[in-house]
Amino acid sequence: MKIELDNVGKRYRMEWILRGISLRFEADKQYAITGPNGSGKSTLLKILSSHLTPSKGKARFFHGHEALDHTTVYRHLSYAAPYIELIEELTLWEALQFHLRFKPLRDNLAANDILELLHFSKARNKPIRDFSSGMKQRLKLALAICSDTPLLLLDEPTTNLDKEGVAWYRTLIENHSSGRLLIVASNVDVDFDFCEEKVSILDYK
C-alpha cells in the first residue's frame, strides 16, 4: 500500500486546519504524525484513510501497482482511534465474529487467538458496554493490528492504557506490523518511537 499527497489542504468553514502537504507514504514503512493536541493529526489521518476529502490538492492510493478508487480504500485498511466506537451491545465473542465477517486476521490467527492475545478469556461472553476504558482500547487495537490489511492507521493508541497495557501494545506492534504501511498519529513518544519516519503536523499549518 502506498499513499501520495499532492499539495493537500483541509479547511473547515473559513479556517484552514492543514495546508500544503506533499508527502509520500511508502509500503512496508512506519510513519509517525506528531504535534500537539488539536493541531490536525486526526484530520490528516482521516484524509489518509480516505474518510475525509481534501479541500485542496489530491490524495492518491495504490495497492501494489494498482491505483485505488477512493470508495474502495476502506477495504485495504484497519484503523483504531478514540473516536471510533465499538458496538457495545455485543459480547466480546460476538464482536470478534462480527469483525471477521469484514476483515480476516493476519498470521493465521483465529478468534480464539485474539482472546488469548487480549488476556480476556474470562470476558468472552461479557457485553462490551461493561468493559473498562482500558479493555475497550485493547480490543480496538487488537482488531486493527491483527487484521490482515496492508494499511494500518493508529490514532493515539495508548489512550486509556496503563503501564502494562502500553507494554502489551508495543509487543502487539512488534509481532504483527511487518509487511504493511503503518501510520501512528500521537504526541506521546511511546506510541511511535519505533517509527522510521516522523512528520510534524506543525510544518503544514
N, C-alpha and C. Protein backbone atom coordinates (compact mmCIF):
# COMPACT_ATOMS: atom_id res chain seq x y z
N MET A 1 0.85 -1.20 0.00
CA MET A 1 0.00 0.00 0.00
C MET A 1 0.88 1.25 0.00
N LYS A 2 0.51 2.22 -0.81
CA LYS A 2 1.25 3.48 -0.89
C LYS A 2 0.25 4.62 -0.99
N ILE A 3 0.57 5.75 -0.36
CA ILE A 3 -0.29 6.92 -0.41
C ILE A 3 0.54 8.12 -0.83
N GLU A 4 0.00 8.91 -1.75
CA GLU A 4 0.66 10.13 -2.19
C GLU A 4 -0.27 11.32 -1.94
N LEU A 5 0.25 12.34 -1.27
CA LEU A 5 -0.49 13.58 -1.05
C LEU A 5 0.16 14.68 -1.87
N ASP A 6 -0.63 15.36 -2.68
CA ASP A 6 -0.12 16.41 -3.57
C ASP A 6 -0.77 17.74 -3.20
N ASN A 7 -0.02 18.58 -2.47
CA ASN A 7 -0.48 19.92 -2.08
C ASN A 7 -1.83 19.87 -1.37
N VAL A 8 -1.98 18.93 -0.47
CA VAL A 8 -3.26 18.71 0.21
C VAL A 8 -3.48 19.75 1.30
N GLY A 9 -4.71 20.24 1.39
CA GLY A 9 -5.12 21.12 2.47
C GLY A 9 -6.53 20.77 2.90
N LYS A 10 -6.87 21.08 4.15
CA LYS A 10 -8.22 20.85 4.65
C LYS A 10 -8.69 22.08 5.38
N ARG A 11 -9.90 22.54 4.99
CA ARG A 11 -10.48 23.74 5.57
C ARG A 11 -11.86 23.41 6.14
N TYR A 12 -12.14 23.93 7.32
CA TYR A 12 -13.48 23.87 7.90
C TYR A 12 -14.02 25.30 7.95
N ARG A 13 -15.09 25.53 7.21
CA ARG A 13 -15.62 26.88 7.04
C ARG A 13 -14.51 27.78 6.49
N MET A 14 -14.12 28.79 7.23
CA MET A 14 -13.10 29.72 6.70
C MET A 14 -11.71 29.44 7.26
N GLU A 15 -11.59 28.43 8.12
CA GLU A 15 -10.30 28.18 8.78
C GLU A 15 -9.58 27.00 8.13
N TRP A 16 -8.33 27.23 7.74
CA TRP A 16 -7.50 26.15 7.22
C TRP A 16 -6.89 25.39 8.39
N ILE A 17 -7.21 24.11 8.48
CA ILE A 17 -6.65 23.24 9.51
C ILE A 17 -5.26 22.76 9.08
N LEU A 18 -5.15 22.40 7.81
CA LEU A 18 -3.89 21.93 7.23
C LEU A 18 -3.77 22.52 5.83
N ARG A 19 -2.52 22.70 5.38
CA ARG A 19 -2.34 23.15 4.00
C ARG A 19 -0.93 22.83 3.53
N GLY A 20 -0.82 22.67 2.20
CA GLY A 20 0.48 22.49 1.57
C GLY A 20 1.17 21.17 1.86
N ILE A 21 0.40 20.09 2.05
CA ILE A 21 1.00 18.80 2.39
C ILE A 21 1.30 18.02 1.10
N SER A 22 2.56 17.82 0.82
CA SER A 22 3.00 16.98 -0.30
C SER A 22 3.94 15.93 0.27
N LEU A 23 3.42 14.74 0.44
CA LEU A 23 4.16 13.66 1.09
C LEU A 23 3.88 12.34 0.39
N ARG A 24 4.83 11.41 0.54
CA ARG A 24 4.62 10.03 0.11
C ARG A 24 4.77 9.11 1.31
N PHE A 25 3.82 8.23 1.46
CA PHE A 25 3.88 7.20 2.49
C PHE A 25 4.07 5.87 1.77
N GLU A 26 5.26 5.30 1.92
CA GLU A 26 5.64 4.13 1.14
C GLU A 26 5.25 2.82 1.82
N ALA A 27 5.02 1.81 1.01
CA ALA A 27 4.67 0.49 1.52
C ALA A 27 5.77 -0.05 2.43
N ASP A 28 5.35 -0.82 3.44
CA ASP A 28 6.26 -1.53 4.34
C ASP A 28 7.12 -0.58 5.19
N LYS A 29 6.64 0.65 5.40
CA LYS A 29 7.37 1.58 6.25
C LYS A 29 6.46 2.05 7.38
N GLN A 30 7.08 2.60 8.41
CA GLN A 30 6.35 3.05 9.61
C GLN A 30 6.56 4.56 9.79
N TYR A 31 5.45 5.29 9.90
CA TYR A 31 5.49 6.74 9.99
C TYR A 31 4.78 7.21 11.26
N ALA A 32 5.29 8.27 11.85
CA ALA A 32 4.63 8.94 12.96
C ALA A 32 4.21 10.33 12.52
N ILE A 33 2.97 10.69 12.83
CA ILE A 33 2.48 12.06 12.64
C ILE A 33 2.42 12.69 14.02
N THR A 34 3.25 13.69 14.26
CA THR A 34 3.39 14.25 15.60
C THR A 34 2.89 15.70 15.64
N GLY A 35 2.58 16.14 16.86
CA GLY A 35 2.13 17.51 17.05
C GLY A 35 1.23 17.60 18.26
N PRO A 36 1.01 18.81 18.78
CA PRO A 36 0.20 18.97 19.99
C PRO A 36 -1.26 18.64 19.74
N ASN A 37 -2.01 18.48 20.83
CA ASN A 37 -3.44 18.23 20.73
C ASN A 37 -4.13 19.36 19.98
N GLY A 38 -5.07 19.00 19.11
CA GLY A 38 -5.82 20.00 18.36
C GLY A 38 -5.10 20.57 17.17
N SER A 39 -3.96 19.99 16.80
CA SER A 39 -3.17 20.57 15.71
C SER A 39 -3.53 20.01 14.33
N GLY A 40 -4.37 18.97 14.27
CA GLY A 40 -4.79 18.44 12.98
C GLY A 40 -4.30 17.04 12.67
N LYS A 41 -3.70 16.35 13.65
CA LYS A 41 -3.20 14.99 13.40
C LYS A 41 -4.32 14.05 12.99
N SER A 42 -5.42 14.09 13.71
CA SER A 42 -6.54 13.20 13.40
C SER A 42 -7.15 13.53 12.05
N THR A 43 -7.20 14.82 11.72
CA THR A 43 -7.71 15.23 10.41
C THR A 43 -6.86 14.64 9.30
N LEU A 44 -5.54 14.70 9.45
CA LEU A 44 -4.66 14.12 8.44
C LEU A 44 -4.85 12.61 8.36
N LEU A 45 -4.99 11.96 9.49
CA LEU A 45 -5.18 10.50 9.48
C LEU A 45 -6.48 10.14 8.76
N LYS A 46 -7.53 10.93 8.94
CA LYS A 46 -8.80 10.66 8.25
C LYS A 46 -8.65 10.86 6.74
N ILE A 47 -7.84 11.83 6.33
CA ILE A 47 -7.56 12.00 4.90
C ILE A 47 -6.80 10.79 4.37
N LEU A 48 -5.86 10.28 5.17
CA LEU A 48 -5.07 9.12 4.76
C LEU A 48 -5.90 7.84 4.73
N SER A 49 -7.05 7.85 5.37
CA SER A 49 -7.95 6.70 5.31
C SER A 49 -8.98 6.85 4.21
N SER A 50 -8.99 8.00 3.54
CA SER A 50 -9.99 8.38 2.53
C SER A 50 -11.36 8.63 3.15
N HIS A 51 -11.41 8.75 4.46
CA HIS A 51 -12.68 9.09 5.13
C HIS A 51 -13.02 10.56 4.92
N LEU A 52 -11.98 11.41 4.85
CA LEU A 52 -12.16 12.82 4.57
C LEU A 52 -11.57 13.15 3.21
N THR A 53 -12.26 14.02 2.47
CA THR A 53 -11.77 14.50 1.18
C THR A 53 -11.04 15.83 1.39
N PRO A 54 -9.84 15.99 0.84
CA PRO A 54 -9.14 17.27 0.99
C PRO A 54 -9.96 18.42 0.40
N SER A 55 -9.84 19.59 1.00
CA SER A 55 -10.45 20.80 0.43
C SER A 55 -9.64 21.31 -0.76
N LYS A 56 -8.37 20.95 -0.77
CA LYS A 56 -7.46 21.35 -1.84
C LYS A 56 -6.46 20.25 -2.06
N GLY A 57 -6.00 20.07 -3.30
CA GLY A 57 -4.99 19.06 -3.60
C GLY A 57 -5.59 17.68 -3.79
N LYS A 58 -4.71 16.69 -3.94
CA LYS A 58 -5.12 15.33 -4.25
C LYS A 58 -4.49 14.32 -3.30
N ALA A 59 -5.27 13.33 -2.91
CA ALA A 59 -4.75 12.16 -2.19
C ALA A 59 -4.92 10.96 -3.11
N ARG A 60 -3.82 10.24 -3.36
CA ARG A 60 -3.85 9.09 -4.26
C ARG A 60 -3.43 7.84 -3.49
N PHE A 61 -4.10 6.75 -3.78
CA PHE A 61 -3.89 5.50 -3.05
C PHE A 61 -3.53 4.39 -4.05
N PHE A 62 -2.55 3.57 -3.67
CA PHE A 62 -2.10 2.49 -4.55
C PHE A 62 -1.94 1.20 -3.75
N HIS A 63 -2.40 0.11 -4.33
CA HIS A 63 -2.16 -1.22 -3.77
C HIS A 63 -1.34 -1.98 -4.78
N GLY A 64 -0.05 -2.18 -4.47
CA GLY A 64 0.85 -2.69 -5.50
C GLY A 64 0.98 -1.63 -6.58
N HIS A 65 0.78 -2.01 -7.84
CA HIS A 65 0.84 -1.07 -8.95
C HIS A 65 -0.54 -0.56 -9.34
N GLU A 66 -1.56 -0.97 -8.60
CA GLU A 66 -2.93 -0.61 -8.94
C GLU A 66 -3.38 0.63 -8.17
N ALA A 67 -3.87 1.63 -8.91
CA ALA A 67 -4.45 2.81 -8.28
C ALA A 67 -5.83 2.45 -7.74
N LEU A 68 -6.10 2.88 -6.52
CA LEU A 68 -7.38 2.54 -5.89
C LEU A 68 -8.34 3.70 -6.00
N ASP A 69 -9.59 3.39 -6.28
CA ASP A 69 -10.65 4.38 -6.19
C ASP A 69 -10.87 4.73 -4.72
N HIS A 70 -11.16 5.97 -4.44
CA HIS A 70 -11.31 6.40 -3.04
C HIS A 70 -12.40 5.62 -2.31
N THR A 71 -13.40 5.17 -3.05
CA THR A 71 -14.51 4.47 -2.41
C THR A 71 -14.15 3.05 -2.02
N THR A 72 -12.98 2.55 -2.42
CA THR A 72 -12.59 1.18 -2.10
C THR A 72 -11.42 1.10 -1.12
N VAL A 73 -10.89 2.26 -0.72
CA VAL A 73 -9.71 2.27 0.15
C VAL A 73 -9.99 1.56 1.47
N TYR A 74 -11.21 1.71 2.00
CA TYR A 74 -11.54 1.12 3.31
C TYR A 74 -11.32 -0.38 3.35
N ARG A 75 -11.40 -1.04 2.22
CA ARG A 75 -11.21 -2.49 2.18
C ARG A 75 -9.78 -2.90 2.50
N HIS A 76 -8.86 -1.97 2.37
CA HIS A 76 -7.43 -2.28 2.49
C HIS A 76 -6.80 -1.74 3.78
N LEU A 77 -7.61 -1.22 4.67
CA LEU A 77 -7.04 -0.62 5.89
C LEU A 77 -7.75 -1.11 7.14
N SER A 78 -7.04 -0.98 8.25
CA SER A 78 -7.64 -1.12 9.58
C SER A 78 -7.22 0.10 10.37
N TYR A 79 -8.09 0.50 11.34
CA TYR A 79 -7.99 1.83 11.93
C TYR A 79 -8.46 1.73 13.38
N ALA A 80 -7.64 2.22 14.29
CA ALA A 80 -8.04 2.30 15.70
C ALA A 80 -7.86 3.74 16.17
N ALA A 81 -8.89 4.28 16.82
CA ALA A 81 -8.84 5.66 17.31
C ALA A 81 -9.85 5.83 18.43
N PRO A 82 -9.61 6.80 19.33
CA PRO A 82 -10.55 7.02 20.44
C PRO A 82 -11.96 7.36 19.98
N TYR A 83 -12.09 7.99 18.79
CA TYR A 83 -13.40 8.42 18.30
C TYR A 83 -14.11 7.33 17.47
N ILE A 84 -13.50 6.17 17.28
CA ILE A 84 -14.16 5.06 16.61
C ILE A 84 -14.77 4.16 17.68
N GLU A 85 -16.08 4.02 17.66
CA GLU A 85 -16.78 3.32 18.73
C GLU A 85 -16.92 1.83 18.42
N LEU A 86 -16.91 1.04 19.46
CA LEU A 86 -17.26 -0.37 19.38
C LEU A 86 -18.77 -0.51 19.49
N ILE A 87 -19.30 -1.65 19.06
CA ILE A 87 -20.73 -1.92 19.21
C ILE A 87 -20.94 -2.50 20.60
N GLU A 88 -21.35 -1.68 21.52
CA GLU A 88 -21.31 -2.05 22.93
C GLU A 88 -22.40 -3.03 23.32
N GLU A 89 -23.41 -3.21 22.46
CA GLU A 89 -24.46 -4.19 22.76
C GLU A 89 -23.96 -5.63 22.56
N LEU A 90 -22.88 -5.80 21.80
CA LEU A 90 -22.34 -7.13 21.53
C LEU A 90 -21.48 -7.62 22.68
N THR A 91 -21.43 -8.93 22.85
CA THR A 91 -20.44 -9.51 23.75
C THR A 91 -19.09 -9.50 23.04
N LEU A 92 -18.04 -9.76 23.79
CA LEU A 92 -16.71 -9.82 23.19
C LEU A 92 -16.67 -10.84 22.06
N TRP A 93 -17.19 -12.04 22.31
CA TRP A 93 -17.15 -13.09 21.29
C TRP A 93 -17.97 -12.69 20.06
N GLU A 94 -19.12 -12.07 20.28
CA GLU A 94 -19.94 -11.62 19.15
C GLU A 94 -19.21 -10.53 18.36
N ALA A 95 -18.50 -9.66 19.07
CA ALA A 95 -17.76 -8.59 18.39
C ALA A 95 -16.65 -9.17 17.51
N LEU A 96 -15.97 -10.19 18.01
CA LEU A 96 -14.91 -10.82 17.21
C LEU A 96 -15.50 -11.48 15.97
N GLN A 97 -16.59 -12.20 16.13
CA GLN A 97 -17.22 -12.87 15.00
C GLN A 97 -17.74 -11.86 13.98
N PHE A 98 -18.29 -10.76 14.46
CA PHE A 98 -18.78 -9.71 13.57
C PHE A 98 -17.63 -9.10 12.78
N HIS A 99 -16.53 -8.82 13.45
CA HIS A 99 -15.36 -8.24 12.78
C HIS A 99 -14.84 -9.15 11.68
N LEU A 100 -14.81 -10.44 11.95
CA LEU A 100 -14.26 -11.40 10.98
C LEU A 100 -15.12 -11.53 9.73
N ARG A 101 -16.34 -11.06 9.78
CA ARG A 101 -17.17 -11.06 8.57
C ARG A 101 -16.67 -10.05 7.55
N PHE A 102 -15.89 -9.07 8.02
CA PHE A 102 -15.45 -7.98 7.14
C PHE A 102 -13.94 -7.97 6.92
N LYS A 103 -13.17 -8.39 7.93
CA LYS A 103 -11.72 -8.35 7.81
C LYS A 103 -11.12 -9.65 8.34
N PRO A 104 -10.36 -10.37 7.51
CA PRO A 104 -9.66 -11.56 8.01
C PRO A 104 -8.50 -11.15 8.90
N LEU A 105 -7.96 -12.12 9.62
CA LEU A 105 -6.85 -11.85 10.54
C LEU A 105 -5.51 -12.25 9.93
N ARG A 106 -4.46 -11.61 10.36
CA ARG A 106 -3.10 -11.90 9.92
C ARG A 106 -2.57 -13.17 10.55
N ASP A 107 -1.51 -13.67 9.94
CA ASP A 107 -0.65 -14.69 10.56
C ASP A 107 -1.42 -15.92 11.04
N ASN A 108 -2.49 -16.27 10.27
CA ASN A 108 -3.29 -17.46 10.59
C ASN A 108 -3.95 -17.40 11.96
N LEU A 109 -4.17 -16.20 12.47
CA LEU A 109 -4.86 -16.05 13.74
C LEU A 109 -6.34 -16.36 13.59
N ALA A 110 -6.96 -16.80 14.68
CA ALA A 110 -8.39 -17.05 14.74
C ALA A 110 -8.96 -16.27 15.92
N ALA A 111 -10.28 -16.27 16.03
CA ALA A 111 -10.93 -15.51 17.10
C ALA A 111 -10.43 -15.92 18.48
N ASN A 112 -10.24 -17.22 18.70
CA ASN A 112 -9.73 -17.69 19.99
C ASN A 112 -8.34 -17.16 20.28
N ASP A 113 -7.53 -16.99 19.23
CA ASP A 113 -6.19 -16.43 19.42
C ASP A 113 -6.25 -14.98 19.88
N ILE A 114 -7.24 -14.24 19.37
CA ILE A 114 -7.39 -12.85 19.81
C ILE A 114 -7.78 -12.79 21.28
N LEU A 115 -8.65 -13.71 21.71
CA LEU A 115 -8.99 -13.78 23.13
C LEU A 115 -7.74 -13.98 23.98
N GLU A 116 -6.86 -14.85 23.52
CA GLU A 116 -5.63 -15.11 24.28
C GLU A 116 -4.70 -13.90 24.25
N LEU A 117 -4.59 -13.26 23.09
CA LEU A 117 -3.75 -12.06 23.00
C LEU A 117 -4.24 -10.96 23.94
N LEU A 118 -5.56 -10.85 24.06
CA LEU A 118 -6.16 -9.83 24.91
C LEU A 118 -6.08 -10.18 26.39
N HIS A 119 -5.88 -11.46 26.69
CA HIS A 119 -5.97 -11.96 28.06
C HIS A 119 -7.38 -11.77 28.63
N PHE A 120 -8.37 -11.95 27.72
CA PHE A 120 -9.77 -11.71 28.08
C PHE A 120 -10.60 -12.99 28.05
N SER A 121 -10.00 -14.14 28.22
CA SER A 121 -10.74 -15.39 28.09
C SER A 121 -11.98 -15.44 28.99
N LYS A 122 -11.87 -14.88 30.19
CA LYS A 122 -13.00 -14.91 31.11
C LYS A 122 -14.09 -13.91 30.74
N ALA A 123 -13.76 -12.99 29.83
CA ALA A 123 -14.73 -11.97 29.40
C ALA A 123 -15.39 -12.33 28.08
N ARG A 124 -15.23 -13.55 27.62
CA ARG A 124 -15.74 -13.97 26.32
C ARG A 124 -17.21 -13.59 26.11
N ASN A 125 -18.04 -13.81 27.11
CA ASN A 125 -19.48 -13.57 26.97
C ASN A 125 -19.94 -12.29 27.68
N LYS A 126 -19.00 -11.43 27.97
CA LYS A 126 -19.30 -10.17 28.66
C LYS A 126 -19.66 -9.09 27.63
N PRO A 127 -20.75 -8.35 27.83
CA PRO A 127 -21.06 -7.25 26.90
C PRO A 127 -19.98 -6.18 26.93
N ILE A 128 -19.67 -5.64 25.77
CA ILE A 128 -18.61 -4.64 25.68
C ILE A 128 -18.96 -3.38 26.47
N ARG A 129 -20.25 -3.09 26.64
CA ARG A 129 -20.63 -1.91 27.42
C ARG A 129 -20.16 -2.01 28.87
N ASP A 130 -19.87 -3.23 29.33
CA ASP A 130 -19.40 -3.43 30.70
C ASP A 130 -17.88 -3.47 30.81
N PHE A 131 -17.18 -3.27 29.70
CA PHE A 131 -15.73 -3.23 29.71
C PHE A 131 -15.25 -1.90 30.30
N SER A 132 -14.08 -1.93 30.92
CA SER A 132 -13.42 -0.69 31.31
C SER A 132 -12.90 0.02 30.06
N SER A 133 -12.53 1.29 30.21
CA SER A 133 -11.99 2.04 29.06
C SER A 133 -10.71 1.40 28.55
N GLY A 134 -9.89 0.86 29.45
CA GLY A 134 -8.66 0.19 29.02
C GLY A 134 -8.94 -1.08 28.24
N MET A 135 -9.93 -1.85 28.67
CA MET A 135 -10.30 -3.08 27.96
C MET A 135 -10.82 -2.74 26.55
N LYS A 136 -11.63 -1.70 26.46
CA LYS A 136 -12.14 -1.30 25.15
C LYS A 136 -11.00 -0.89 24.22
N GLN A 137 -10.02 -0.16 24.77
CA GLN A 137 -8.89 0.27 23.94
C GLN A 137 -8.07 -0.94 23.49
N ARG A 138 -7.86 -1.89 24.36
CA ARG A 138 -7.13 -3.10 23.95
C ARG A 138 -7.86 -3.81 22.82
N LEU A 139 -9.18 -3.91 22.92
CA LEU A 139 -9.95 -4.58 21.88
C LEU A 139 -9.85 -3.83 20.55
N LYS A 140 -9.96 -2.51 20.58
CA LYS A 140 -9.81 -1.72 19.35
C LYS A 140 -8.45 -1.99 18.70
N LEU A 141 -7.40 -1.97 19.53
CA LEU A 141 -6.05 -2.17 18.99
C LEU A 141 -5.86 -3.58 18.44
N ALA A 142 -6.35 -4.58 19.16
CA ALA A 142 -6.18 -5.95 18.70
C ALA A 142 -6.89 -6.17 17.37
N LEU A 143 -8.12 -5.66 17.24
CA LEU A 143 -8.86 -5.83 15.99
C LEU A 143 -8.15 -5.14 14.83
N ALA A 144 -7.61 -3.95 15.07
CA ALA A 144 -6.93 -3.23 13.99
C ALA A 144 -5.59 -3.85 13.64
N ILE A 145 -4.75 -4.07 14.66
CA ILE A 145 -3.39 -4.52 14.41
C ILE A 145 -3.36 -5.94 13.87
N CYS A 146 -4.29 -6.77 14.29
CA CYS A 146 -4.28 -8.17 13.87
C CYS A 146 -5.09 -8.43 12.61
N SER A 147 -5.72 -7.42 12.04
CA SER A 147 -6.43 -7.58 10.78
C SER A 147 -5.43 -7.66 9.63
N ASP A 148 -5.77 -8.45 8.64
CA ASP A 148 -4.87 -8.67 7.51
C ASP A 148 -5.09 -7.58 6.47
N THR A 149 -4.52 -6.41 6.72
CA THR A 149 -4.65 -5.26 5.83
C THR A 149 -3.28 -4.68 5.54
N PRO A 150 -3.07 -4.15 4.33
CA PRO A 150 -1.76 -3.56 4.01
C PRO A 150 -1.54 -2.19 4.61
N LEU A 151 -2.63 -1.54 5.10
CA LEU A 151 -2.52 -0.22 5.70
C LEU A 151 -3.10 -0.27 7.11
N LEU A 152 -2.31 0.18 8.09
CA LEU A 152 -2.72 0.22 9.49
C LEU A 152 -2.58 1.65 10.00
N LEU A 153 -3.69 2.22 10.47
CA LEU A 153 -3.73 3.58 10.98
C LEU A 153 -4.08 3.56 12.46
N LEU A 154 -3.25 4.20 13.29
CA LEU A 154 -3.47 4.23 14.73
C LEU A 154 -3.43 5.67 15.21
N ASP A 155 -4.49 6.10 15.88
CA ASP A 155 -4.56 7.45 16.42
C ASP A 155 -4.52 7.36 17.94
N GLU A 156 -3.48 7.93 18.55
CA GLU A 156 -3.28 7.92 20.00
C GLU A 156 -3.53 6.52 20.59
N PRO A 157 -2.74 5.54 20.16
CA PRO A 157 -3.04 4.14 20.50
C PRO A 157 -2.97 3.78 21.97
N THR A 158 -2.21 4.51 22.79
CA THR A 158 -2.11 4.13 24.20
C THR A 158 -3.10 4.89 25.09
N THR A 159 -4.06 5.59 24.49
CA THR A 159 -5.12 6.23 25.26
C THR A 159 -5.80 5.21 26.18
N ASN A 160 -5.93 5.54 27.44
CA ASN A 160 -6.62 4.70 28.45
C ASN A 160 -5.86 3.43 28.82
N LEU A 161 -4.61 3.28 28.37
CA LEU A 161 -3.83 2.10 28.73
C LEU A 161 -2.90 2.41 29.90
N ASP A 162 -2.81 1.47 30.85
CA ASP A 162 -1.85 1.61 31.94
C ASP A 162 -0.48 1.12 31.47
N LYS A 163 0.49 1.10 32.37
CA LYS A 163 1.85 0.71 32.00
C LYS A 163 1.89 -0.68 31.39
N GLU A 164 1.16 -1.61 31.97
CA GLU A 164 1.11 -2.97 31.42
C GLU A 164 0.47 -2.98 30.04
N GLY A 165 -0.58 -2.16 29.86
CA GLY A 165 -1.24 -2.08 28.57
C GLY A 165 -0.34 -1.50 27.49
N VAL A 166 0.47 -0.52 27.86
CA VAL A 166 1.41 0.06 26.90
C VAL A 166 2.43 -0.98 26.44
N ALA A 167 2.95 -1.76 27.38
CA ALA A 167 3.89 -2.83 27.03
C ALA A 167 3.22 -3.85 26.12
N TRP A 168 1.96 -4.17 26.40
CA TRP A 168 1.19 -5.09 25.56
C TRP A 168 1.05 -4.55 24.14
N TYR A 169 0.74 -3.26 24.02
CA TYR A 169 0.64 -2.62 22.70
C TYR A 169 1.95 -2.72 21.93
N ARG A 170 3.06 -2.45 22.59
CA ARG A 170 4.35 -2.50 21.91
C ARG A 170 4.66 -3.91 21.42
N THR A 171 4.32 -4.91 22.21
CA THR A 171 4.53 -6.30 21.78
C THR A 171 3.66 -6.64 20.59
N LEU A 172 2.41 -6.18 20.61
CA LEU A 172 1.49 -6.43 19.50
C LEU A 172 2.03 -5.81 18.21
N ILE A 173 2.52 -4.59 18.30
CA ILE A 173 3.11 -3.93 17.13
C ILE A 173 4.33 -4.70 16.62
N GLU A 174 5.18 -5.10 17.53
CA GLU A 174 6.40 -5.82 17.14
C GLU A 174 6.08 -7.12 16.41
N ASN A 175 5.03 -7.80 16.86
CA ASN A 175 4.71 -9.12 16.32
C ASN A 175 3.83 -9.10 15.08
N HIS A 176 3.10 -8.00 14.86
CA HIS A 176 2.06 -8.05 13.82
C HIS A 176 2.04 -6.83 12.89
N SER A 177 3.12 -6.08 12.79
CA SER A 177 3.10 -4.90 11.92
C SER A 177 4.00 -5.03 10.70
N SER A 178 4.69 -6.12 10.55
CA SER A 178 5.62 -6.26 9.42
C SER A 178 4.86 -6.38 8.11
N GLY A 179 5.49 -5.91 7.04
CA GLY A 179 4.94 -6.08 5.71
C GLY A 179 3.75 -5.20 5.39
N ARG A 180 3.60 -4.09 6.13
CA ARG A 180 2.47 -3.20 5.86
C ARG A 180 2.88 -1.76 6.10
N LEU A 181 2.10 -0.84 5.59
CA LEU A 181 2.29 0.58 5.85
C LEU A 181 1.59 0.91 7.17
N LEU A 182 2.36 1.39 8.14
CA LEU A 182 1.84 1.75 9.46
C LEU A 182 2.02 3.25 9.68
N ILE A 183 0.93 3.92 10.06
CA ILE A 183 0.98 5.36 10.35
C ILE A 183 0.35 5.58 11.72
N VAL A 184 1.11 6.19 12.63
CA VAL A 184 0.67 6.45 14.00
C VAL A 184 0.60 7.95 14.22
N ALA A 185 -0.55 8.44 14.67
CA ALA A 185 -0.70 9.86 15.00
C ALA A 185 -0.73 10.00 16.51
N SER A 186 0.19 10.78 17.07
CA SER A 186 0.24 10.91 18.53
C SER A 186 1.26 11.99 18.91
N ASN A 187 1.15 12.46 20.16
CA ASN A 187 2.20 13.32 20.72
C ASN A 187 2.88 12.65 21.91
N VAL A 188 2.69 11.33 22.05
CA VAL A 188 3.28 10.55 23.13
C VAL A 188 4.35 9.64 22.53
N ASP A 189 5.59 9.80 22.94
CA ASP A 189 6.71 9.11 22.31
C ASP A 189 6.54 7.59 22.27
N VAL A 190 6.03 7.01 23.34
CA VAL A 190 5.94 5.56 23.41
C VAL A 190 4.99 5.00 22.34
N ASP A 191 4.11 5.83 21.83
CA ASP A 191 3.18 5.39 20.78
C ASP A 191 3.89 5.14 19.45
N PHE A 192 5.00 5.88 19.22
CA PHE A 192 5.54 5.89 17.86
C PHE A 192 7.06 5.89 17.78
N ASP A 193 7.80 5.78 18.88
CA ASP A 193 9.25 5.96 18.80
C ASP A 193 9.96 4.88 18.00
N PHE A 194 9.24 3.84 17.62
CA PHE A 194 9.80 2.79 16.76
C PHE A 194 9.68 3.14 15.27
N CYS A 195 8.97 4.21 14.94
CA CYS A 195 8.71 4.55 13.54
C CYS A 195 9.98 5.09 12.86
N GLU A 196 10.14 4.74 11.60
CA GLU A 196 11.32 5.13 10.83
C GLU A 196 11.26 6.59 10.41
N GLU A 197 10.06 7.08 10.10
CA GLU A 197 9.89 8.44 9.59
C GLU A 197 8.94 9.20 10.51
N LYS A 198 9.21 10.49 10.70
CA LYS A 198 8.34 11.33 11.52
C LYS A 198 7.93 12.57 10.73
N VAL A 199 6.66 12.88 10.79
CA VAL A 199 6.08 14.03 10.11
C VAL A 199 5.50 14.97 11.16
N SER A 200 6.00 16.19 11.26
CA SER A 200 5.45 17.16 12.21
C SER A 200 4.30 17.89 11.56
N ILE A 201 3.12 17.79 12.17
CA ILE A 201 1.94 18.44 11.62
C ILE A 201 2.08 19.95 11.62
N LEU A 202 2.95 20.47 12.49
CA LEU A 202 3.12 21.92 12.58
C LEU A 202 3.80 22.50 11.33
N ASP A 203 4.41 21.65 10.53
CA ASP A 203 5.02 22.10 9.27
C ASP A 203 3.97 22.42 8.21
N TYR A 204 2.71 22.09 8.49
CA TYR A 204 1.66 22.24 7.47
C TYR A 204 0.47 23.04 8.00
N LYS A 205 0.75 24.00 8.86
CA LYS A 205 -0.30 24.85 9.42
C LYS A 205 -0.39 26.17 8.66
